Amino acid sequence: MDEFMHDQPLVPRDDAEREALGKRLKRIEGQVRGIQKMVENDRYCVDILTQTSAIQAALKQVEMQLLERHMRKCLVHASETENMEPYIDELMTIVSRIKK
């Protein structure tokens, strides 16, 4: 992550944002633990794959939530105070990673 410009958001998250994101991530963490148990209990492959698909979808939702927040808050803030070119480059780099 050293390649990006900041290690903190340009506009800090408020308590409600941190709480909502934290809840989503804890839910995903619980789903991953559930898959570990399914593997340990030698559950049917399709059941495990169904759960991995659900986790991937949940992570995509987290990505989209963070991406939208970044564009609406951090980039808007940067556009008012700084040259946008490096921020656009940074955003395009991460969007290309998300799409993979």
N, C-alpha and C. Protein backbone atom coordinates (compact mmCIF):
# COMPACT_ATOMS: atom_id res chain seq x y z
N MET A 1 0.80 -1.19 0.00
CA MET A 1 0.00 0.00 0.00
C MET A 1 0.85 1.27 0.00
N ASP A 2 2.15 1.14 0.06
CA ASP A 2 3.03 2.31 0.09
C ASP A 2 2.92 3.15 -1.16
N GLU A 3 2.40 2.59 -2.23
CA GLU A 3 2.35 3.32 -3.48
C GLU A 3 1.29 4.42 -3.48
N PHE A 4 0.36 4.38 -2.55
CA PHE A 4 -0.69 5.38 -2.53
C PHE A 4 -0.27 6.59 -1.71
N MET A 5 -0.98 7.67 -1.91
CA MET A 5 -0.58 8.97 -1.40
C MET A 5 -0.81 9.15 0.11
N HIS A 6 -1.78 8.48 0.66
CA HIS A 6 -2.16 8.71 2.05
C HIS A 6 -2.34 7.39 2.78
N ASP A 7 -2.11 7.42 4.08
CA ASP A 7 -2.43 6.24 4.88
C ASP A 7 -3.68 6.47 5.72
N GLN A 8 -4.28 7.64 5.57
CA GLN A 8 -5.54 7.96 6.24
C GLN A 8 -6.42 8.71 5.24
N PRO A 9 -7.73 8.67 5.43
CA PRO A 9 -8.60 9.39 4.49
C PRO A 9 -8.37 10.90 4.57
N LEU A 10 -8.57 11.57 3.45
CA LEU A 10 -8.47 13.04 3.44
C LEU A 10 -9.53 13.66 4.34
N VAL A 11 -10.68 13.01 4.40
CA VAL A 11 -11.77 13.43 5.27
C VAL A 11 -12.03 12.27 6.23
N PRO A 12 -11.70 12.44 7.51
CA PRO A 12 -11.86 11.32 8.46
C PRO A 12 -13.29 10.78 8.49
N ARG A 13 -13.40 9.47 8.70
CA ARG A 13 -14.71 8.85 8.83
C ARG A 13 -15.33 9.25 10.16
N ASP A 14 -16.63 9.43 10.15
CA ASP A 14 -17.29 9.72 11.42
C ASP A 14 -17.60 8.40 12.14
N ASP A 15 -18.07 8.50 13.35
CA ASP A 15 -18.33 7.30 14.17
C ASP A 15 -19.34 6.37 13.50
N ALA A 16 -20.37 6.94 12.89
CA ALA A 16 -21.40 6.10 12.25
C ALA A 16 -20.81 5.32 11.08
N GLU A 17 -19.96 5.97 10.29
CA GLU A 17 -19.33 5.28 9.16
C GLU A 17 -18.44 4.14 9.64
N ARG A 18 -17.61 4.43 10.65
CA ARG A 18 -16.72 3.40 11.19
C ARG A 18 -17.51 2.23 11.76
N GLU A 19 -18.59 2.55 12.46
CA GLU A 19 -19.41 1.50 13.06
C GLU A 19 -20.07 0.62 11.99
N ALA A 20 -20.64 1.24 10.97
CA ALA A 20 -21.31 0.48 9.91
C ALA A 20 -20.32 -0.40 9.15
N LEU A 21 -19.17 0.15 8.84
CA LEU A 21 -18.15 -0.62 8.14
C LEU A 21 -17.63 -1.76 9.02
N GLY A 22 -17.42 -1.46 10.28
CA GLY A 22 -16.96 -2.47 11.23
C GLY A 22 -17.94 -3.63 11.36
N LYS A 23 -19.24 -3.31 11.41
CA LYS A 23 -20.26 -4.37 11.50
C LYS A 23 -20.23 -5.27 10.27
N ARG A 24 -20.12 -4.66 9.10
CA ARG A 24 -20.07 -5.46 7.86
C ARG A 24 -18.86 -6.39 7.87
N LEU A 25 -17.71 -5.84 8.27
CA LEU A 25 -16.49 -6.64 8.26
C LEU A 25 -16.53 -7.75 9.31
N LYS A 26 -17.11 -7.48 10.46
CA LYS A 26 -17.26 -8.53 11.47
C LYS A 26 -18.18 -9.65 10.98
N ARG A 27 -19.23 -9.26 10.24
CA ARG A 27 -20.13 -10.26 9.67
C ARG A 27 -19.37 -11.13 8.68
N ILE A 28 -18.55 -10.51 7.85
CA ILE A 28 -17.75 -11.26 6.87
C ILE A 28 -16.77 -12.17 7.59
N GLU A 29 -16.16 -11.65 8.65
CA GLU A 29 -15.22 -12.45 9.44
C GLU A 29 -15.92 -13.71 9.98
N GLY A 30 -17.14 -13.53 10.46
CA GLY A 30 -17.92 -14.67 10.96
C GLY A 30 -18.23 -15.67 9.85
N GLN A 31 -18.51 -15.16 8.66
CA GLN A 31 -18.77 -16.06 7.53
C GLN A 31 -17.52 -16.87 7.19
N VAL A 32 -16.36 -16.24 7.24
CA VAL A 32 -15.11 -16.96 6.95
C VAL A 32 -14.88 -18.04 8.00
N ARG A 33 -15.11 -17.72 9.26
CA ARG A 33 -14.97 -18.74 10.30
C ARG A 33 -15.94 -19.89 10.07
N GLY A 34 -17.15 -19.55 9.60
CA GLY A 34 -18.13 -20.60 9.30
C GLY A 34 -17.63 -21.52 8.19
N ILE A 35 -16.98 -20.97 7.20
CA ILE A 35 -16.43 -21.80 6.12
C ILE A 35 -15.32 -22.70 6.65
N GLN A 36 -14.49 -22.17 7.54
CA GLN A 36 -13.44 -22.99 8.13
C GLN A 36 -14.06 -24.21 8.82
N LYS A 37 -15.14 -24.01 9.56
CA LYS A 37 -15.81 -25.11 10.24
C LYS A 37 -16.42 -26.08 9.23
N MET A 38 -16.96 -25.53 8.15
CA MET A 38 -17.53 -26.40 7.12
C MET A 38 -16.47 -27.31 6.53
N VAL A 39 -15.29 -26.77 6.29
CA VAL A 39 -14.19 -27.58 5.74
C VAL A 39 -13.77 -28.62 6.78
N GLU A 40 -13.62 -28.19 8.03
CA GLU A 40 -13.25 -29.14 9.10
C GLU A 40 -14.26 -30.26 9.24
N ASN A 41 -15.53 -29.95 9.03
CA ASN A 41 -16.60 -30.94 9.16
C ASN A 41 -16.88 -31.68 7.86
N ASP A 42 -16.02 -31.45 6.86
CA ASP A 42 -16.10 -32.15 5.58
C ASP A 42 -17.46 -31.99 4.91
N ARG A 43 -17.95 -30.73 4.90
CA ARG A 43 -19.25 -30.45 4.29
C ARG A 43 -19.17 -30.54 2.78
N TYR A 44 -20.31 -30.64 2.17
CA TYR A 44 -20.47 -30.76 0.72
C TYR A 44 -19.85 -29.54 0.03
N CYS A 45 -19.08 -29.78 -1.03
CA CYS A 45 -18.35 -28.72 -1.74
C CYS A 45 -19.26 -27.59 -2.20
N VAL A 46 -20.42 -27.92 -2.73
CA VAL A 46 -21.32 -26.89 -3.25
C VAL A 46 -21.80 -25.97 -2.12
N ASP A 47 -22.02 -26.53 -0.93
CA ASP A 47 -22.42 -25.70 0.21
C ASP A 47 -21.31 -24.72 0.57
N ILE A 48 -20.07 -25.18 0.55
CA ILE A 48 -18.93 -24.31 0.85
C ILE A 48 -18.79 -23.24 -0.23
N LEU A 49 -18.92 -23.63 -1.47
CA LEU A 49 -18.81 -22.68 -2.57
C LEU A 49 -19.90 -21.62 -2.51
N THR A 50 -21.08 -22.01 -2.09
CA THR A 50 -22.17 -21.05 -1.92
C THR A 50 -21.78 -19.99 -0.89
N GLN A 51 -21.16 -20.43 0.18
CA GLN A 51 -20.74 -19.49 1.22
C GLN A 51 -19.58 -18.60 0.76
N THR A 52 -18.63 -19.16 0.00
CA THR A 52 -17.53 -18.33 -0.50
C THR A 52 -18.06 -17.27 -1.46
N SER A 53 -19.06 -17.62 -2.23
CA SER A 53 -19.68 -16.66 -3.14
C SER A 53 -20.35 -15.54 -2.36
N ALA A 54 -21.00 -15.87 -1.27
CA ALA A 54 -21.65 -14.86 -0.43
C ALA A 54 -20.62 -13.92 0.18
N ILE A 55 -19.49 -14.45 0.58
CA ILE A 55 -18.43 -13.62 1.16
C ILE A 55 -17.86 -12.67 0.09
N GLN A 56 -17.64 -13.19 -1.10
CA GLN A 56 -17.14 -12.34 -2.17
C GLN A 56 -18.11 -11.20 -2.47
N ALA A 57 -19.40 -11.49 -2.48
CA ALA A 57 -20.40 -10.46 -2.72
C ALA A 57 -20.39 -9.43 -1.59
N ALA A 58 -20.24 -9.89 -0.36
CA ALA A 58 -20.20 -8.97 0.78
C ALA A 58 -18.97 -8.07 0.71
N LEU A 59 -17.83 -8.63 0.31
CA LEU A 59 -16.62 -7.83 0.17
C LEU A 59 -16.76 -6.81 -0.96
N LYS A 60 -17.41 -7.19 -2.03
CA LYS A 60 -17.66 -6.24 -3.12
C LYS A 60 -18.52 -5.08 -2.63
N GLN A 61 -19.48 -5.37 -1.77
CA GLN A 61 -20.31 -4.29 -1.21
C GLN A 61 -19.46 -3.34 -0.37
N VAL A 62 -18.53 -3.90 0.41
CA VAL A 62 -17.63 -3.06 1.20
C VAL A 62 -16.78 -2.20 0.28
N GLU A 63 -16.25 -2.81 -0.78
CA GLU A 63 -15.44 -2.05 -1.75
C GLU A 63 -16.23 -0.90 -2.35
N MET A 64 -17.46 -1.19 -2.75
CA MET A 64 -18.27 -0.14 -3.37
C MET A 64 -18.62 0.96 -2.37
N GLN A 65 -18.89 0.59 -1.16
CA GLN A 65 -19.19 1.58 -0.13
C GLN A 65 -17.97 2.48 0.09
N LEU A 66 -16.79 1.89 0.19
CA LEU A 66 -15.57 2.68 0.38
C LEU A 66 -15.25 3.53 -0.84
N LEU A 67 -15.45 2.97 -2.01
CA LEU A 67 -15.19 3.72 -3.25
C LEU A 67 -16.11 4.92 -3.36
N GLU A 68 -17.39 4.72 -3.08
CA GLU A 68 -18.33 5.83 -3.15
C GLU A 68 -17.98 6.90 -2.13
N ARG A 69 -17.66 6.48 -0.91
CA ARG A 69 -17.30 7.44 0.13
C ARG A 69 -16.05 8.22 -0.28
N HIS A 70 -15.07 7.52 -0.84
CA HIS A 70 -13.84 8.18 -1.26
C HIS A 70 -14.13 9.26 -2.31
N MET A 71 -14.96 8.91 -3.27
CA MET A 71 -15.26 9.87 -4.33
C MET A 71 -16.09 11.04 -3.79
N ARG A 72 -17.08 10.76 -2.98
CA ARG A 72 -17.98 11.82 -2.50
C ARG A 72 -17.34 12.73 -1.46
N LYS A 73 -16.43 12.20 -0.67
CA LYS A 73 -15.87 13.01 0.41
C LYS A 73 -14.41 13.38 0.17
N CYS A 74 -13.56 12.37 0.01
CA CYS A 74 -12.11 12.65 -0.11
C CYS A 74 -11.79 13.40 -1.40
N LEU A 75 -12.33 12.92 -2.53
CA LEU A 75 -12.00 13.58 -3.79
C LEU A 75 -12.63 14.96 -3.89
N VAL A 76 -13.83 15.11 -3.37
CA VAL A 76 -14.45 16.43 -3.37
C VAL A 76 -13.60 17.39 -2.54
N HIS A 77 -13.15 16.93 -1.38
CA HIS A 77 -12.29 17.76 -0.54
C HIS A 77 -10.99 18.11 -1.28
N ALA A 78 -10.36 17.12 -1.89
CA ALA A 78 -9.11 17.37 -2.61
C ALA A 78 -9.31 18.34 -3.76
N SER A 79 -10.45 18.24 -4.43
CA SER A 79 -10.70 19.12 -5.58
C SER A 79 -10.78 20.59 -5.17
N GLU A 80 -11.10 20.82 -3.92
CA GLU A 80 -11.20 22.18 -3.42
C GLU A 80 -9.85 22.76 -3.00
N THR A 81 -8.87 21.87 -2.78
CA THR A 81 -7.61 22.35 -2.20
C THR A 81 -6.35 21.94 -2.97
N GLU A 82 -6.44 20.94 -3.84
CA GLU A 82 -5.22 20.38 -4.42
C GLU A 82 -5.38 20.06 -5.91
N ASN A 83 -4.25 19.77 -6.53
CA ASN A 83 -4.22 19.28 -7.91
C ASN A 83 -4.85 17.89 -7.93
N MET A 84 -5.81 17.66 -8.77
CA MET A 84 -6.55 16.40 -8.79
C MET A 84 -5.85 15.27 -9.54
N GLU A 85 -4.92 15.58 -10.40
CA GLU A 85 -4.31 14.56 -11.26
C GLU A 85 -3.77 13.36 -10.48
N PRO A 86 -2.97 13.54 -9.41
CA PRO A 86 -2.47 12.37 -8.68
C PRO A 86 -3.59 11.56 -8.02
N TYR A 87 -4.65 12.24 -7.60
CA TYR A 87 -5.77 11.54 -6.96
C TYR A 87 -6.55 10.71 -7.98
N ILE A 88 -6.69 11.23 -9.17
CA ILE A 88 -7.36 10.48 -10.23
C ILE A 88 -6.52 9.27 -10.61
N ASP A 89 -5.20 9.43 -10.72
CA ASP A 89 -4.32 8.29 -11.01
C ASP A 89 -4.44 7.22 -9.93
N GLU A 90 -4.44 7.66 -8.68
CA GLU A 90 -4.57 6.74 -7.56
C GLU A 90 -5.90 5.98 -7.63
N LEU A 91 -6.97 6.71 -7.91
CA LEU A 91 -8.29 6.10 -7.99
C LEU A 91 -8.36 5.09 -9.13
N MET A 92 -7.81 5.43 -10.27
CA MET A 92 -7.83 4.50 -11.41
C MET A 92 -7.03 3.25 -11.11
N THR A 93 -5.94 3.37 -10.38
CA THR A 93 -5.15 2.19 -10.00
C THR A 93 -5.97 1.24 -9.15
N ILE A 94 -6.65 1.79 -8.16
CA ILE A 94 -7.42 0.91 -7.27
C ILE A 94 -8.65 0.35 -7.96
N VAL A 95 -9.29 1.13 -8.82
CA VAL A 95 -10.46 0.62 -9.56
C VAL A 95 -10.03 -0.54 -10.46
N SER A 96 -8.88 -0.43 -11.10
CA SER A 96 -8.43 -1.54 -11.96
C SER A 96 -8.15 -2.79 -11.13
N ARG A 97 -7.67 -2.64 -9.90
CA ARG A 97 -7.46 -3.80 -9.02
C ARG A 97 -8.78 -4.42 -8.60
N ILE A 98 -9.74 -3.58 -8.27
CA ILE A 98 -11.05 -4.08 -7.84
C ILE A 98 -11.72 -4.88 -8.94
N LYS A 99 -11.54 -4.44 -10.18
CA LYS A 99 -12.19 -5.12 -11.30
C LYS A 99 -11.62 -6.50 -11.57
N LYS A 100 -10.41 -6.79 -11.13
CA LYS A 100 -9.78 -8.10 -11.40
C LYS A 100 -10.44 -9.21 -10.68
